[in-house]
Amino acid sequence: MPGSPRGSGISLGDWRREKSVMHHVPNVGIVFAALAVIFVAMAVRDFLSVEGKLTPARKTWLKIAIIFACVSIGLFALQILTR
């Protein structure tokens, strides 16, 4: 039976304790989403300071923001699919 301690080699008490601890773990997807927002804000700040010219720093910040956003979306999707 998936999601139960039967056949897993752990006691029922340990299994329940592990399941309750998982509910208190902060959502890592939120951290990645916040990092994406921070990097987009840095890119916007750079955009406003150089009046629209594309700088290497802005390109880098946008790429990092896209990576963090994709990871965040993936983690949220994984969380929804594994419920």
N, C-alpha and C. Protein backbone atom coordinates (compact mmCIF):
# COMPACT_ATOMS: atom_id res chain seq x y z
N MET A 1 0.84 -1.17 0.00
CA MET A 1 0.00 0.00 0.00
C MET A 1 0.89 1.25 0.00
N PRO A 2 0.88 2.09 -1.06
CA PRO A 2 1.74 3.27 -1.07
C PRO A 2 1.30 4.28 -0.01
N GLY A 3 2.27 4.93 0.60
CA GLY A 3 1.97 5.95 1.59
C GLY A 3 1.70 5.39 2.98
N SER A 4 1.89 4.08 3.19
CA SER A 4 1.68 3.50 4.50
C SER A 4 2.97 2.85 4.97
N PRO A 5 3.09 2.60 6.30
CA PRO A 5 4.32 2.01 6.82
C PRO A 5 4.40 0.50 6.59
N ARG A 6 3.33 -0.12 6.14
CA ARG A 6 3.32 -1.58 5.96
C ARG A 6 4.39 -1.99 4.95
N GLY A 7 5.28 -2.85 5.37
CA GLY A 7 6.31 -3.37 4.48
C GLY A 7 7.49 -2.45 4.28
N SER A 8 7.51 -1.31 4.96
CA SER A 8 8.62 -0.37 4.77
C SER A 8 9.72 -0.55 5.80
N GLY A 9 9.46 -1.34 6.85
CA GLY A 9 10.47 -1.59 7.86
C GLY A 9 10.54 -0.54 8.94
N ILE A 10 9.59 0.41 8.98
CA ILE A 10 9.57 1.39 10.05
C ILE A 10 8.29 1.21 10.86
N SER A 11 8.36 1.63 12.12
CA SER A 11 7.19 1.45 12.99
C SER A 11 6.13 2.49 12.64
N LEU A 12 4.91 2.21 13.06
CA LEU A 12 3.79 3.12 12.78
C LEU A 12 4.01 4.48 13.43
N GLY A 13 4.57 4.49 14.66
CA GLY A 13 4.84 5.75 15.35
C GLY A 13 5.86 6.61 14.60
N ASP A 14 6.94 5.96 14.13
CA ASP A 14 7.96 6.69 13.37
C ASP A 14 7.38 7.22 12.07
N TRP A 15 6.54 6.43 11.43
CA TRP A 15 5.93 6.84 10.16
C TRP A 15 5.03 8.05 10.37
N ARG A 16 4.23 8.03 11.43
CA ARG A 16 3.34 9.17 11.72
C ARG A 16 4.15 10.42 12.06
N ARG A 17 5.23 10.24 12.82
CA ARG A 17 6.07 11.38 13.19
C ARG A 17 6.71 11.99 11.93
N GLU A 18 7.17 11.14 11.03
CA GLU A 18 7.77 11.62 9.78
C GLU A 18 6.75 12.37 8.95
N LYS A 19 5.52 11.85 8.86
CA LYS A 19 4.48 12.52 8.08
C LYS A 19 4.12 13.87 8.69
N SER A 20 4.08 13.97 10.03
CA SER A 20 3.72 15.24 10.66
C SER A 20 4.84 16.26 10.51
N VAL A 21 6.09 15.82 10.51
CA VAL A 21 7.22 16.73 10.33
C VAL A 21 7.19 17.33 8.92
N MET A 22 6.81 16.55 7.93
CA MET A 22 6.78 17.03 6.55
C MET A 22 5.78 18.17 6.37
N HIS A 23 4.75 18.24 7.19
CA HIS A 23 3.78 19.32 7.07
C HIS A 23 4.33 20.64 7.61
N HIS A 24 5.38 20.58 8.41
CA HIS A 24 5.94 21.79 9.00
C HIS A 24 7.18 22.29 8.26
N VAL A 25 7.61 21.59 7.23
CA VAL A 25 8.76 22.02 6.45
C VAL A 25 8.33 23.17 5.55
N PRO A 26 9.06 24.29 5.55
CA PRO A 26 8.67 25.41 4.69
C PRO A 26 8.74 25.02 3.22
N ASN A 27 7.86 25.59 2.46
CA ASN A 27 7.78 25.27 1.04
C ASN A 27 8.96 25.90 0.31
N VAL A 28 9.83 25.06 -0.23
CA VAL A 28 11.03 25.53 -0.92
C VAL A 28 10.66 26.28 -2.19
N GLY A 29 9.53 25.92 -2.81
CA GLY A 29 9.08 26.60 -4.02
C GLY A 29 8.87 28.09 -3.80
N ILE A 30 8.40 28.45 -2.61
CA ILE A 30 8.19 29.86 -2.30
C ILE A 30 9.53 30.60 -2.24
N VAL A 31 10.55 29.95 -1.71
CA VAL A 31 11.88 30.58 -1.64
C VAL A 31 12.41 30.84 -3.05
N PHE A 32 12.26 29.86 -3.94
CA PHE A 32 12.73 30.04 -5.32
C PHE A 32 11.92 31.12 -6.03
N ALA A 33 10.63 31.20 -5.78
CA ALA A 33 9.81 32.25 -6.39
C ALA A 33 10.25 33.62 -5.89
N ALA A 34 10.54 33.72 -4.60
CA ALA A 34 11.01 35.00 -4.05
C ALA A 34 12.36 35.40 -4.65
N LEU A 35 13.24 34.43 -4.83
CA LEU A 35 14.53 34.74 -5.46
C LEU A 35 14.34 35.20 -6.90
N ALA A 36 13.40 34.60 -7.62
CA ALA A 36 13.12 35.03 -8.99
C ALA A 36 12.65 36.47 -9.01
N VAL A 37 11.77 36.82 -8.08
CA VAL A 37 11.27 38.20 -8.01
C VAL A 37 12.40 39.17 -7.69
N ILE A 38 13.29 38.79 -6.79
CA ILE A 38 14.41 39.66 -6.43
C ILE A 38 15.31 39.90 -7.65
N PHE A 39 15.61 38.85 -8.42
CA PHE A 39 16.47 39.03 -9.59
C PHE A 39 15.78 39.84 -10.69
N VAL A 40 14.48 39.70 -10.84
CA VAL A 40 13.75 40.54 -11.81
C VAL A 40 13.81 42.00 -11.35
N ALA A 41 13.65 42.23 -10.06
CA ALA A 41 13.73 43.60 -9.54
C ALA A 41 15.12 44.20 -9.78
N MET A 42 16.16 43.40 -9.64
CA MET A 42 17.51 43.90 -9.91
C MET A 42 17.67 44.23 -11.40
N ALA A 43 17.08 43.42 -12.26
CA ALA A 43 17.16 43.69 -13.71
C ALA A 43 16.39 44.96 -14.06
N VAL A 44 15.24 45.17 -13.43
CA VAL A 44 14.47 46.39 -13.68
C VAL A 44 15.23 47.61 -13.19
N ARG A 45 15.86 47.49 -12.03
CA ARG A 45 16.66 48.60 -11.51
C ARG A 45 17.78 48.95 -12.48
N ASP A 46 18.43 47.93 -13.03
CA ASP A 46 19.50 48.16 -14.01
C ASP A 46 18.93 48.80 -15.28
N PHE A 47 17.76 48.35 -15.70
CA PHE A 47 17.11 48.91 -16.88
C PHE A 47 16.83 50.40 -16.70
N LEU A 48 16.35 50.77 -15.53
CA LEU A 48 16.04 52.18 -15.27
C LEU A 48 17.29 53.04 -15.14
N SER A 49 18.39 52.46 -14.66
CA SER A 49 19.59 53.27 -14.46
C SER A 49 20.37 53.51 -15.74
N VAL A 50 20.28 52.61 -16.73
CA VAL A 50 21.03 52.80 -17.97
C VAL A 50 20.10 53.15 -19.14
N GLU A 51 18.89 53.51 -18.84
CA GLU A 51 17.94 54.01 -19.83
C GLU A 51 17.69 53.05 -20.99
N GLY A 52 17.47 51.79 -20.69
CA GLY A 52 17.02 50.84 -21.69
C GLY A 52 18.09 50.06 -22.43
N LYS A 53 19.35 50.40 -22.24
CA LYS A 53 20.40 49.65 -22.92
C LYS A 53 20.56 48.29 -22.25
N LEU A 54 20.77 47.24 -23.07
CA LEU A 54 20.92 45.89 -22.54
C LEU A 54 22.34 45.68 -22.06
N THR A 55 22.49 45.46 -20.77
CA THR A 55 23.82 45.25 -20.19
C THR A 55 24.02 43.77 -19.89
N PRO A 56 25.27 43.34 -19.80
CA PRO A 56 25.53 41.94 -19.43
C PRO A 56 24.97 41.58 -18.05
N ALA A 57 25.00 42.54 -17.14
CA ALA A 57 24.46 42.27 -15.79
C ALA A 57 22.97 41.99 -15.86
N ARG A 58 22.24 42.78 -16.65
CA ARG A 58 20.79 42.57 -16.75
C ARG A 58 20.49 41.23 -17.40
N LYS A 59 21.24 40.88 -18.43
CA LYS A 59 21.04 39.58 -19.07
C LYS A 59 21.22 38.45 -18.06
N THR A 60 22.28 38.56 -17.25
CA THR A 60 22.57 37.54 -16.26
C THR A 60 21.46 37.46 -15.22
N TRP A 61 21.02 38.63 -14.70
CA TRP A 61 19.97 38.63 -13.70
C TRP A 61 18.66 38.06 -14.23
N LEU A 62 18.35 38.35 -15.48
CA LEU A 62 17.13 37.80 -16.07
C LEU A 62 17.23 36.29 -16.27
N LYS A 63 18.40 35.82 -16.70
CA LYS A 63 18.59 34.37 -16.86
C LYS A 63 18.45 33.66 -15.52
N ILE A 64 19.05 34.21 -14.47
CA ILE A 64 18.94 33.61 -13.15
C ILE A 64 17.50 33.64 -12.67
N ALA A 65 16.80 34.74 -12.91
CA ALA A 65 15.39 34.84 -12.51
C ALA A 65 14.55 33.79 -13.23
N ILE A 66 14.82 33.57 -14.51
CA ILE A 66 14.06 32.56 -15.27
C ILE A 66 14.35 31.16 -14.72
N ILE A 67 15.59 30.90 -14.38
CA ILE A 67 15.94 29.59 -13.81
C ILE A 67 15.21 29.38 -12.48
N PHE A 68 15.26 30.37 -11.59
CA PHE A 68 14.58 30.24 -10.31
C PHE A 68 13.07 30.10 -10.50
N ALA A 69 12.50 30.83 -11.43
CA ALA A 69 11.06 30.72 -11.68
C ALA A 69 10.69 29.33 -12.19
N CYS A 70 11.50 28.79 -13.08
CA CYS A 70 11.23 27.43 -13.60
C CYS A 70 11.34 26.38 -12.51
N VAL A 71 12.34 26.50 -11.66
CA VAL A 71 12.49 25.55 -10.55
C VAL A 71 11.30 25.67 -9.60
N SER A 72 10.88 26.89 -9.33
CA SER A 72 9.72 27.10 -8.45
C SER A 72 8.47 26.48 -9.03
N ILE A 73 8.22 26.69 -10.31
CA ILE A 73 7.06 26.10 -10.96
C ILE A 73 7.13 24.58 -10.92
N GLY A 74 8.31 24.04 -11.16
CA GLY A 74 8.50 22.59 -11.10
C GLY A 74 8.23 22.03 -9.71
N LEU A 75 8.70 22.73 -8.68
CA LEU A 75 8.46 22.27 -7.31
C LEU A 75 6.99 22.33 -6.95
N PHE A 76 6.31 23.41 -7.36
CA PHE A 76 4.87 23.50 -7.09
C PHE A 76 4.11 22.39 -7.82
N ALA A 77 4.48 22.13 -9.06
CA ALA A 77 3.82 21.06 -9.83
C ALA A 77 4.09 19.70 -9.18
N LEU A 78 5.31 19.46 -8.73
CA LEU A 78 5.64 18.22 -8.07
C LEU A 78 4.85 18.05 -6.78
N GLN A 79 4.70 19.14 -6.04
CA GLN A 79 3.93 19.09 -4.80
C GLN A 79 2.46 18.76 -5.07
N ILE A 80 1.90 19.33 -6.12
CA ILE A 80 0.51 19.07 -6.46
C ILE A 80 0.33 17.64 -6.96
N LEU A 81 1.27 17.17 -7.76
CA LEU A 81 1.13 15.81 -8.32
C LEU A 81 1.37 14.72 -7.29
N THR A 82 2.10 15.01 -6.21
CA THR A 82 2.38 13.97 -5.23
C THR A 82 1.44 13.99 -4.03
N ARG A 83 0.40 14.76 -4.07
CA ARG A 83 -0.57 14.79 -2.97
C ARG A 83 -1.41 13.58 -2.97
